Amino acid sequence: MSRPIVAHAPDNPNRENQAGDPLVRGTFRDHQHQFTVRASSAMAPDSFQVSVTGNAADLVLIVSGLNSGHLHATWGQGWRAFAPEWKAWFEDSAFAVFYNGRAIGSRPRPGQVRF
């Protein structure tokens, strides 16, 4: 029997590993900042945190309850006041990096289909 495919497994080939840190899932950016997504543990993490790249103390978002299904988002000081549209985009991007290793906008462009 083969192993199940788990998107957030430590050996996910899409994950951008930073400086050998096995908890870093990858990065994404908006127009001003680059952000790093970091899991709480290597196996079955219950949460992840997103910080400004290069400044781990500047936490932007912490999402907990991944294993229980009771998700809770906590926004960092200074980031709470951002527009709801930006926060929704940010959450979507953070989840994409956490599970897939890359942001939504950084996916390879699909090829064209000719009929």
C-alpha atoms as a PDB file:
ATOM      1  CA  MET A   1       0.000   0.000   0.000  1.00  0.00           C
ATOM      2  CA  SER A   2       1.394   3.399  -0.921  1.00  0.00           C
ATOM      3  CA  ARG A   3       1.735   6.330   1.430  1.00  0.00           C
ATOM      4  CA  PRO A   4      -1.121   8.861   1.383  1.00  0.00           C
ATOM      5  CA  ILE A   5      -0.375  12.172  -0.272  1.00  0.00           C
ATOM      6  CA  VAL A   6      -0.400  14.965   2.282  1.00  0.00           C
ATOM      7  CA  ALA A   7       0.021  18.520   0.999  1.00  0.00           C
ATOM      8  CA  HIS A   8       1.698  19.730   4.173  1.00  0.00           C
ATOM      9  CA  ALA A   9       4.071  16.803   4.588  1.00  0.00           C
ATOM     10  CA  PRO A  10       7.668  17.742   5.413  1.00  0.00           C
ATOM     11  CA  ASP A  11       8.849  16.315   2.074  1.00  0.00           C
ATOM     12  CA  ASN A  12       6.481  18.448  -0.038  1.00  0.00           C
ATOM     13  CA  PRO A  13       8.574  19.270  -3.146  1.00  0.00           C
ATOM     14  CA  ASN A  14       6.744  22.576  -3.682  1.00  0.00           C
ATOM     15  CA  ARG A  15       7.785  23.993  -0.335  1.00  0.00           C
ATOM     16  CA  GLU A  16      10.489  26.649  -0.407  1.00  0.00           C
ATOM     17  CA  ASN A  17      12.726  25.746   2.520  1.00  0.00           C
ATOM     18  CA  GLN A  18      14.500  28.757   4.014  1.00  0.00           C
ATOM     19  CA  ALA A  19      18.001  28.217   5.354  1.00  0.00           C
ATOM     20  CA  GLY A  20      17.254  24.619   6.278  1.00  0.00           C
ATOM     21  CA  ASP A  21      14.363  25.459   8.628  1.00  0.00           C
ATOM     22  CA  PRO A  22      11.942  22.521   8.247  1.00  0.00           C
ATOM     23  CA  LEU A  23       9.060  24.569   9.653  1.00  0.00           C
ATOM     24  CA  VAL A  24       9.153  27.247   6.949  1.00  0.00           C
ATOM     25  CA  ARG A  25       6.543  26.446   4.301  1.00  0.00           C
ATOM     26  CA  GLY A  26       7.313  29.259   1.873  1.00  0.00           C
ATOM     27  CA  THR A  27       6.891  32.945   1.153  1.00  0.00           C
ATOM     28  CA  PHE A  28       4.556  35.302  -0.669  1.00  0.00           C
ATOM     29  CA  ARG A  29       4.384  39.050  -1.135  1.00  0.00           C
ATOM     30  CA  ASP A  30       2.106  42.002  -1.591  1.00  0.00           C
ATOM     31  CA  HIS A  31       3.190  45.304  -3.153  1.00  0.00           C
ATOM     32  CA  GLN A  32       5.268  46.367  -0.120  1.00  0.00           C
ATOM     33  CA  HIS A  33       6.311  43.345   1.954  1.00  0.00           C
ATOM     34  CA  GLN A  34       7.423  39.767   1.654  1.00  0.00           C
ATOM     35  CA  PHE A  35       5.911  37.325   4.157  1.00  0.00           C
ATOM     36  CA  THR A  36       7.119  33.984   5.513  1.00  0.00           C
ATOM     37  CA  VAL A  37       4.721  31.174   6.468  1.00  0.00           C
ATOM     38  CA  ARG A  38       5.949  28.948   9.300  1.00  0.00           C
ATOM     39  CA  ALA A  39       4.248  25.834  10.713  1.00  0.00           C
ATOM     40  CA  SER A  40       4.043  25.173  14.449  1.00  0.00           C
ATOM     41  CA  SER A  41       5.643  21.726  14.082  1.00  0.00           C
ATOM     42  CA  ALA A  42       7.038  19.473  11.377  1.00  0.00           C
ATOM     43  CA  MET A  43       4.411  16.747  11.749  1.00  0.00           C
ATOM     44  CA  ALA A  44       0.663  17.501  11.911  1.00  0.00           C
ATOM     45  CA  PRO A  45       0.960  21.172  12.882  1.00  0.00           C
ATOM     46  CA  ASP A  46      -2.074  22.635  14.634  1.00  0.00           C
ATOM     47  CA  SER A  47      -1.229  26.212  13.665  1.00  0.00           C
ATOM     48  CA  PHE A  48       0.879  28.381  11.436  1.00  0.00           C
ATOM     49  CA  GLN A  49       2.136  31.916  11.689  1.00  0.00           C
ATOM     50  CA  VAL A  50       2.937  34.492   9.058  1.00  0.00           C
ATOM     51  CA  SER A  51       5.556  37.145   9.676  1.00  0.00           C
ATOM     52  CA  VAL A  52       7.344  39.776   7.667  1.00  0.00           C
ATOM     53  CA  THR A  53      10.346  38.075   6.044  1.00  0.00           C
ATOM     54  CA  GLY A  54      13.512  38.994   7.877  1.00  0.00           C
ATOM     55  CA  ASN A  55      11.654  40.065  11.029  1.00  0.00           C
ATOM     56  CA  ALA A  56      10.073  37.054  12.737  1.00  0.00           C
ATOM     57  CA  ALA A  57       8.952  39.286  15.619  1.00  0.00           C
ATOM     58  CA  ASP A  58       6.607  41.201  13.275  1.00  0.00           C
ATOM     59  CA  LEU A  59       3.783  38.653  13.305  1.00  0.00           C
ATOM     60  CA  VAL A  60       1.048  39.447  10.828  1.00  0.00           C
ATOM     61  CA  LEU A  61      -1.291  36.478  11.290  1.00  0.00           C
ATOM     62  CA  ILE A  62      -1.548  33.332  13.405  1.00  0.00           C
ATOM     63  CA  VAL A  63      -4.044  30.664  12.357  1.00  0.00           C
ATOM     64  CA  SER A  64      -4.774  27.965  14.937  1.00  0.00           C
ATOM     65  CA  GLY A  65      -7.121  24.995  15.105  1.00  0.00           C
ATOM     66  CA  LEU A  66      -5.935  23.278  11.921  1.00  0.00           C
ATOM     67  CA  ASN A  67      -6.279  19.771  13.369  1.00  0.00           C
ATOM     68  CA  SER A  68      -9.547  20.339  15.198  1.00  0.00           C
ATOM     69  CA  GLY A  69     -11.203  22.227  12.349  1.00  0.00           C
ATOM     70  CA  HIS A  70     -12.065  25.111  14.667  1.00  0.00           C
ATOM     71  CA  LEU A  71     -10.024  27.726  12.850  1.00  0.00           C
ATOM     72  CA  HIS A  72      -9.162  30.949  14.617  1.00  0.00           C
ATOM     73  CA  ALA A  73      -7.246  33.837  13.080  1.00  0.00           C
ATOM     74  CA  THR A  74      -5.351  36.300  15.255  1.00  0.00           C
ATOM     75  CA  TRP A  75      -4.030  39.427  13.551  1.00  0.00           C
ATOM     76  CA  GLY A  76      -0.855  41.099  14.723  1.00  0.00           C
ATOM     77  CA  GLN A  77      -0.765  44.586  16.123  1.00  0.00           C
ATOM     78  CA  GLY A  78      -0.748  47.136  13.334  1.00  0.00           C
ATOM     79  CA  TRP A  79      -2.174  44.649  10.820  1.00  0.00           C
ATOM     80  CA  ARG A  80      -5.680  44.497  12.319  1.00  0.00           C
ATOM     81  CA  ALA A  81      -6.649  47.826  10.772  1.00  0.00           C
ATOM     82  CA  PHE A  82      -5.997  46.743   7.177  1.00  0.00           C
ATOM     83  CA  ALA A  83      -8.945  46.599   4.756  1.00  0.00           C
ATOM     84  CA  PRO A  84     -11.145  43.479   4.891  1.00  0.00           C
ATOM     85  CA  GLU A  85     -10.414  42.753   1.208  1.00  0.00           C
ATOM     86  CA  TRP A  86      -6.654  42.764   1.847  1.00  0.00           C
ATOM     87  CA  LYS A  87      -7.071  40.552   4.914  1.00  0.00           C
ATOM     88  CA  ALA A  88      -9.156  38.037   2.913  1.00  0.00           C
ATOM     89  CA  TRP A  89      -6.485  37.984   0.177  1.00  0.00           C
ATOM     90  CA  PHE A  90      -3.783  37.589   2.828  1.00  0.00           C
ATOM     91  CA  GLU A  91      -5.531  34.633   4.500  1.00  0.00           C
ATOM     92  CA  ASP A  92      -6.053  32.919   1.126  1.00  0.00           C
ATOM     93  CA  SER A  93      -2.400  33.445   0.193  1.00  0.00           C
ATOM     94  CA  ALA A  94      -1.150  32.216   3.576  1.00  0.00           C
ATOM     95  CA  PHE A  95      -3.258  29.035   3.365  1.00  0.00           C
ATOM     96  CA  ALA A  96      -2.063  28.397  -0.199  1.00  0.00           C
ATOM     97  CA  VAL A  97       1.575  28.665   0.871  1.00  0.00           C
ATOM     98  CA  PHE A  98       1.006  26.567   3.988  1.00  0.00           C
ATOM     99  CA  TYR A  99      -0.599  23.699   2.059  1.00  0.00           C
ATOM    100  CA  ASN A 100       1.084  23.990  -1.360  1.00  0.00           C
ATOM    101  CA  GLY A 101       4.383  25.748  -0.785  1.00  0.00           C
ATOM    102  CA  ARG A 102       3.574  28.629  -3.100  1.00  0.00           C
ATOM    103  CA  ALA A 103       1.146  31.523  -3.295  1.00  0.00           C
ATOM    104  CA  ILE A 104      -1.879  31.615  -5.570  1.00  0.00           C
ATOM    105  CA  GLY A 105      -0.403  34.253  -7.887  1.00  0.00           C
ATOM    106  CA  SER A 106       2.906  32.422  -8.284  1.00  0.00           C
ATOM    107  CA  ARG A 107       1.505  29.286  -9.885  1.00  0.00           C
ATOM    108  CA  PRO A 108       2.878  28.434 -13.302  1.00  0.00           C
ATOM    109  CA  ARG A 109       0.663  29.656 -16.112  1.00  0.00           C
ATOM    110  CA  PRO A 110      -1.311  26.831 -17.698  1.00  0.00           C
ATOM    111  CA  GLY A 111      -0.726  26.082 -21.350  1.00  0.00           C
ATOM    112  CA  GLN A 112      -3.236  26.999 -24.015  1.00  0.00           C
ATOM    113  CA  VAL A 113      -5.656  24.418 -25.302  1.00  0.00           C
ATOM    114  CA  ARG A 114      -6.212  24.356 -29.048  1.00  0.00           C
ATOM    115  CA  PHE A 115      -9.367  22.963 -30.584  1.00  0.00           C
END
